[in-house]
Amino acid sequence: MIRTYALAAVLLMAGAAAQAGDLKTLKKINFDMPDDSAITFPAGPGEEAISGNCLACHSADHVMNQPPMDREHWHEVVEKMIKAYKAPITEEDAATIVDYLVRVKGKKE
């Protein structure tokens, strides 16, 4: 009985190996990823604070593609980064970052 199962297993593996020859071979492909280093924060007051603190975790593209928000919401976002994600941002830099975000991504009234 064991010999029957062993023979069946060998035949199944041989059949699988034969069918594997029919599979298409994998080919290596090369492609270029978009260069996100070309996207930077707009120049102006606070650019150094946002670059120095936020680029550790986020690309400038990620930040700049957020929807426009008012000061209260930007403050909440920055506070969330500090409290929930432990971003090491000083109070002074946090205020500067919020001012910057309101200036460049603030909700137009």
N, C-alpha and C. Protein backbone atom coordinates (compact mmCIF):
# COMPACT_ATOMS: atom_id res chain seq x y z
N MET A 1 0.82 -1.18 0.00
CA MET A 1 0.00 0.00 0.00
C MET A 1 0.87 1.26 0.00
N ILE A 2 1.90 1.29 0.85
CA ILE A 2 2.80 2.44 0.92
C ILE A 2 3.50 2.63 -0.42
N ARG A 3 3.88 1.49 -1.05
CA ARG A 3 4.55 1.57 -2.35
C ARG A 3 3.61 2.17 -3.38
N THR A 4 2.35 1.89 -3.31
CA THR A 4 1.38 2.44 -4.26
C THR A 4 1.30 3.94 -4.11
N TYR A 5 1.22 4.41 -2.85
CA TYR A 5 1.17 5.86 -2.61
C TYR A 5 2.48 6.54 -3.04
N ALA A 6 3.61 5.89 -2.77
CA ALA A 6 4.90 6.45 -3.16
C ALA A 6 4.99 6.55 -4.68
N LEU A 7 4.56 5.48 -5.38
CA LEU A 7 4.58 5.50 -6.84
C LEU A 7 3.65 6.58 -7.39
N ALA A 8 2.48 6.73 -6.77
CA ALA A 8 1.53 7.76 -7.21
C ALA A 8 2.12 9.15 -7.00
N ALA A 9 2.79 9.34 -5.89
CA ALA A 9 3.41 10.63 -5.61
C ALA A 9 4.50 10.94 -6.62
N VAL A 10 5.31 9.94 -6.95
CA VAL A 10 6.38 10.14 -7.94
C VAL A 10 5.78 10.48 -9.30
N LEU A 11 4.72 9.75 -9.68
CA LEU A 11 4.09 10.02 -10.97
C LEU A 11 3.46 11.41 -11.01
N LEU A 12 2.84 11.83 -9.89
CA LEU A 12 2.26 13.18 -9.84
C LEU A 12 3.33 14.25 -9.97
N MET A 13 4.45 14.04 -9.28
CA MET A 13 5.54 15.02 -9.36
C MET A 13 6.13 15.05 -10.76
N ALA A 14 6.25 13.91 -11.39
CA ALA A 14 6.78 13.87 -12.76
C ALA A 14 5.83 14.58 -13.71
N GLY A 15 4.54 14.37 -13.52
CA GLY A 15 3.56 15.05 -14.36
C GLY A 15 3.59 16.55 -14.16
N ALA A 16 3.72 16.97 -12.91
CA ALA A 16 3.79 18.40 -12.62
C ALA A 16 5.03 19.02 -13.23
N ALA A 17 6.15 18.30 -13.15
CA ALA A 17 7.39 18.81 -13.72
C ALA A 17 7.28 18.93 -15.24
N ALA A 18 6.60 17.97 -15.86
CA ALA A 18 6.44 18.02 -17.32
C ALA A 18 5.56 19.20 -17.72
N GLN A 19 4.50 19.43 -16.93
CA GLN A 19 3.62 20.56 -17.24
C GLN A 19 4.32 21.89 -16.98
N ALA A 20 5.21 21.93 -16.01
CA ALA A 20 5.90 23.17 -15.69
C ALA A 20 6.71 23.66 -16.88
N GLY A 21 7.16 22.74 -17.72
CA GLY A 21 7.89 23.13 -18.91
C GLY A 21 7.03 23.94 -19.87
N ASP A 22 5.71 23.81 -19.76
CA ASP A 22 4.80 24.53 -20.63
C ASP A 22 4.57 25.96 -20.17
N LEU A 23 4.92 26.26 -18.93
CA LEU A 23 4.71 27.60 -18.40
C LEU A 23 5.62 28.59 -19.10
N LYS A 24 5.15 29.79 -19.26
CA LYS A 24 5.98 30.83 -19.84
C LYS A 24 7.08 31.19 -18.85
N THR A 25 8.22 31.50 -19.37
CA THR A 25 9.32 31.87 -18.48
C THR A 25 9.17 33.32 -18.05
N LEU A 26 9.60 33.60 -16.86
CA LEU A 26 9.57 34.97 -16.35
C LEU A 26 10.70 35.75 -16.99
N LYS A 27 10.41 36.98 -17.33
CA LYS A 27 11.43 37.83 -17.92
C LYS A 27 11.64 39.05 -17.05
N LYS A 28 12.88 39.44 -16.97
CA LYS A 28 13.22 40.64 -16.22
C LYS A 28 12.82 41.86 -17.03
N ILE A 29 12.17 42.81 -16.39
CA ILE A 29 11.83 44.05 -17.07
C ILE A 29 12.46 45.22 -16.31
N ASN A 30 12.79 46.24 -17.03
CA ASN A 30 13.34 47.45 -16.42
C ASN A 30 12.37 48.59 -16.69
N PHE A 31 12.19 49.43 -15.69
CA PHE A 31 11.37 50.62 -15.87
C PHE A 31 11.87 51.70 -14.94
N ASP A 32 11.58 52.92 -15.31
CA ASP A 32 12.01 54.07 -14.54
C ASP A 32 10.86 54.55 -13.67
N MET A 33 11.14 54.74 -12.40
CA MET A 33 10.16 55.30 -11.49
C MET A 33 10.19 56.82 -11.64
N PRO A 34 9.05 57.47 -11.40
CA PRO A 34 9.04 58.94 -11.47
C PRO A 34 10.01 59.53 -10.46
N ASP A 35 10.65 60.58 -10.83
CA ASP A 35 11.61 61.26 -9.95
C ASP A 35 10.85 62.25 -9.08
N ASP A 36 10.55 61.83 -7.84
CA ASP A 36 9.81 62.73 -6.96
C ASP A 36 10.72 63.73 -6.26
N SER A 37 12.04 63.63 -6.48
CA SER A 37 12.94 64.59 -5.87
C SER A 37 12.82 65.96 -6.54
N ALA A 38 12.21 65.99 -7.72
CA ALA A 38 12.04 67.25 -8.42
C ALA A 38 10.93 68.09 -7.78
N ILE A 39 10.06 67.44 -7.00
CA ILE A 39 8.97 68.15 -6.34
C ILE A 39 9.46 68.59 -4.97
N THR A 40 9.46 69.88 -4.76
CA THR A 40 9.94 70.43 -3.49
C THR A 40 8.88 71.36 -2.92
N PHE A 41 9.11 71.79 -1.69
CA PHE A 41 8.21 72.74 -1.08
C PHE A 41 8.44 74.12 -1.69
N PRO A 42 7.37 74.86 -1.92
CA PRO A 42 7.55 76.23 -2.42
C PRO A 42 8.40 77.06 -1.45
N ALA A 43 9.25 77.89 -2.00
CA ALA A 43 10.12 78.72 -1.18
C ALA A 43 9.31 79.72 -0.38
N GLY A 44 9.83 80.06 0.77
CA GLY A 44 9.18 81.06 1.60
C GLY A 44 9.38 80.79 3.07
N PRO A 45 8.87 81.67 3.91
CA PRO A 45 9.01 81.49 5.35
C PRO A 45 8.42 80.15 5.80
N GLY A 46 9.21 79.38 6.53
CA GLY A 46 8.75 78.10 7.04
C GLY A 46 9.20 76.91 6.21
N GLU A 47 9.75 77.18 5.03
CA GLU A 47 10.20 76.08 4.16
C GLU A 47 11.26 75.22 4.85
N GLU A 48 12.17 75.87 5.56
CA GLU A 48 13.23 75.12 6.24
C GLU A 48 12.65 74.24 7.36
N ALA A 49 11.67 74.75 8.09
CA ALA A 49 11.06 73.98 9.18
C ALA A 49 10.30 72.77 8.65
N ILE A 50 9.53 72.96 7.59
CA ILE A 50 8.76 71.83 7.06
C ILE A 50 9.68 70.81 6.39
N SER A 51 10.70 71.28 5.69
CA SER A 51 11.65 70.36 5.07
C SER A 51 12.42 69.58 6.12
N GLY A 52 12.89 70.27 7.13
CA GLY A 52 13.69 69.64 8.17
C GLY A 52 12.93 68.67 9.05
N ASN A 53 11.63 68.85 9.17
CA ASN A 53 10.85 67.99 10.05
C ASN A 53 9.99 66.98 9.32
N CYS A 54 9.41 67.35 8.22
CA CYS A 54 8.39 66.50 7.59
C CYS A 54 8.97 65.54 6.56
N LEU A 55 10.08 65.91 5.92
CA LEU A 55 10.64 65.05 4.88
C LEU A 55 11.24 63.75 5.42
N ALA A 56 11.37 63.63 6.73
CA ALA A 56 11.85 62.37 7.30
C ALA A 56 10.86 61.24 7.04
N CYS A 57 9.59 61.59 6.97
CA CYS A 57 8.54 60.57 6.78
C CYS A 57 7.72 60.76 5.51
N HIS A 58 7.63 61.98 5.01
CA HIS A 58 6.76 62.29 3.88
C HIS A 58 7.56 62.91 2.75
N SER A 59 7.13 62.65 1.52
CA SER A 59 7.72 63.38 0.39
C SER A 59 7.02 64.73 0.30
N ALA A 60 7.68 65.69 -0.32
CA ALA A 60 7.06 66.99 -0.52
C ALA A 60 5.80 66.82 -1.38
N ASP A 61 5.85 65.90 -2.32
CA ASP A 61 4.69 65.63 -3.17
C ASP A 61 3.49 65.18 -2.34
N HIS A 62 3.73 64.32 -1.38
CA HIS A 62 2.65 63.84 -0.51
C HIS A 62 1.99 65.00 0.23
N VAL A 63 2.81 65.85 0.79
CA VAL A 63 2.28 66.99 1.55
C VAL A 63 1.55 67.96 0.62
N MET A 64 2.15 68.27 -0.52
CA MET A 64 1.57 69.26 -1.41
C MET A 64 0.31 68.77 -2.11
N ASN A 65 0.06 67.47 -2.08
CA ASN A 65 -1.16 66.94 -2.69
C ASN A 65 -2.28 66.73 -1.68
N GLN A 66 -2.10 67.23 -0.48
CA GLN A 66 -3.19 67.20 0.50
C GLN A 66 -4.22 68.27 0.12
N PRO A 67 -5.46 68.06 0.50
CA PRO A 67 -6.46 69.08 0.18
C PRO A 67 -6.21 70.36 0.97
N PRO A 68 -6.61 71.49 0.44
CA PRO A 68 -6.47 72.74 1.19
C PRO A 68 -7.29 72.66 2.49
N MET A 69 -6.69 73.12 3.58
CA MET A 69 -7.37 73.11 4.88
C MET A 69 -7.16 74.43 5.59
N ASP A 70 -8.05 74.74 6.51
CA ASP A 70 -7.91 75.97 7.28
C ASP A 70 -6.88 75.75 8.41
N ARG A 71 -6.56 76.83 9.09
CA ARG A 71 -5.53 76.79 10.14
C ARG A 71 -5.84 75.73 11.20
N GLU A 72 -7.08 75.64 11.64
CA GLU A 72 -7.45 74.68 12.69
C GLU A 72 -7.13 73.25 12.26
N HIS A 73 -7.47 72.92 11.02
CA HIS A 73 -7.22 71.55 10.54
C HIS A 73 -5.73 71.27 10.35
N TRP A 74 -4.99 72.24 9.83
CA TRP A 74 -3.54 72.04 9.70
C TRP A 74 -2.90 71.88 11.07
N HIS A 75 -3.37 72.64 12.04
CA HIS A 75 -2.86 72.50 13.40
C HIS A 75 -3.13 71.07 13.92
N GLU A 76 -4.33 70.56 13.66
CA GLU A 76 -4.68 69.20 14.09
C GLU A 76 -3.79 68.16 13.41
N VAL A 77 -3.50 68.36 12.15
CA VAL A 77 -2.63 67.42 11.42
C VAL A 77 -1.24 67.40 12.03
N VAL A 78 -0.67 68.59 12.26
CA VAL A 78 0.67 68.66 12.82
C VAL A 78 0.69 68.08 14.24
N GLU A 79 -0.32 68.38 15.04
CA GLU A 79 -0.40 67.82 16.40
C GLU A 79 -0.52 66.30 16.37
N LYS A 80 -1.26 65.77 15.39
CA LYS A 80 -1.38 64.31 15.26
C LYS A 80 -0.02 63.69 14.97
N MET A 81 0.76 64.34 14.11
CA MET A 81 2.09 63.81 13.80
C MET A 81 2.97 63.78 15.05
N ILE A 82 2.82 64.79 15.89
CA ILE A 82 3.63 64.86 17.11
C ILE A 82 3.14 63.86 18.15
N LYS A 83 1.85 63.85 18.41
CA LYS A 83 1.31 63.03 19.50
C LYS A 83 1.13 61.57 19.12
N ALA A 84 0.54 61.29 17.97
CA ALA A 84 0.26 59.91 17.59
C ALA A 84 1.47 59.20 17.01
N TYR A 85 2.26 59.94 16.21
CA TYR A 85 3.37 59.31 15.51
C TYR A 85 4.74 59.68 16.09
N LYS A 86 4.72 60.45 17.17
CA LYS A 86 5.95 60.81 17.90
C LYS A 86 6.96 61.57 17.04
N ALA A 87 6.48 62.41 16.14
CA ALA A 87 7.39 63.25 15.34
C ALA A 87 8.10 64.21 16.29
N PRO A 88 9.42 64.25 16.24
CA PRO A 88 10.18 65.12 17.16
C PRO A 88 10.22 66.57 16.68
N ILE A 89 9.08 67.21 16.73
CA ILE A 89 8.95 68.60 16.25
C ILE A 89 8.78 69.50 17.47
N THR A 90 9.58 70.55 17.53
CA THR A 90 9.48 71.49 18.65
C THR A 90 8.20 72.31 18.50
N GLU A 91 7.76 72.91 19.60
CA GLU A 91 6.57 73.77 19.55
C GLU A 91 6.76 74.92 18.56
N GLU A 92 7.96 75.49 18.58
CA GLU A 92 8.26 76.61 17.67
C GLU A 92 8.17 76.16 16.20
N ASP A 93 8.78 75.01 15.89
CA ASP A 93 8.71 74.51 14.52
C ASP A 93 7.29 74.12 14.14
N ALA A 94 6.54 73.56 15.08
CA ALA A 94 5.15 73.18 14.80
C ALA A 94 4.34 74.40 14.39
N ALA A 95 4.51 75.50 15.11
CA ALA A 95 3.78 76.73 14.78
C ALA A 95 4.22 77.26 13.41
N THR A 96 5.52 77.18 13.13
CA THR A 96 6.04 77.64 11.84
C THR A 96 5.50 76.77 10.71
N ILE A 97 5.44 75.45 10.93
CA ILE A 97 4.93 74.53 9.92
C ILE A 97 3.46 74.81 9.63
N VAL A 98 2.68 75.02 10.69
CA VAL A 98 1.26 75.33 10.49
C VAL A 98 1.11 76.62 9.70
N ASP A 99 1.88 77.65 10.06
CA ASP A 99 1.83 78.92 9.31
C ASP A 99 2.16 78.69 7.83
N TYR A 100 3.18 77.89 7.58
CA TYR A 100 3.60 77.61 6.21
C TYR A 100 2.49 76.89 5.45
N LEU A 101 1.93 75.85 6.07
CA LEU A 101 0.88 75.08 5.40
C LEU A 101 -0.36 75.92 5.11
N VAL A 102 -0.69 76.80 6.03
CA VAL A 102 -1.84 77.70 5.81
C VAL A 102 -1.53 78.63 4.63
N ARG A 103 -0.31 79.09 4.54
CA ARG A 103 0.07 80.00 3.46
C ARG A 103 0.06 79.30 2.10
N VAL A 104 0.60 78.06 2.02
CA VAL A 104 0.71 77.42 0.71
C VAL A 104 -0.41 76.44 0.40
N LYS A 105 -1.07 75.90 1.43
CA LYS A 105 -2.14 74.93 1.22
C LYS A 105 -3.39 75.26 2.05
N GLY A 106 -3.52 76.55 2.36
CA GLY A 106 -4.69 76.96 3.14
C GLY A 106 -5.95 76.99 2.32
N LYS A 107 -7.05 76.75 3.00
CA LYS A 107 -8.35 76.76 2.34
C LYS A 107 -8.68 78.20 1.97
N LYS A 108 -8.99 78.40 0.72
CA LYS A 108 -9.36 79.74 0.25
C LYS A 108 -10.82 80.02 0.67
N GLU A 109 -11.01 81.08 1.37
CA GLU A 109 -12.36 81.41 1.89
C GLU A 109 -13.22 82.03 0.82
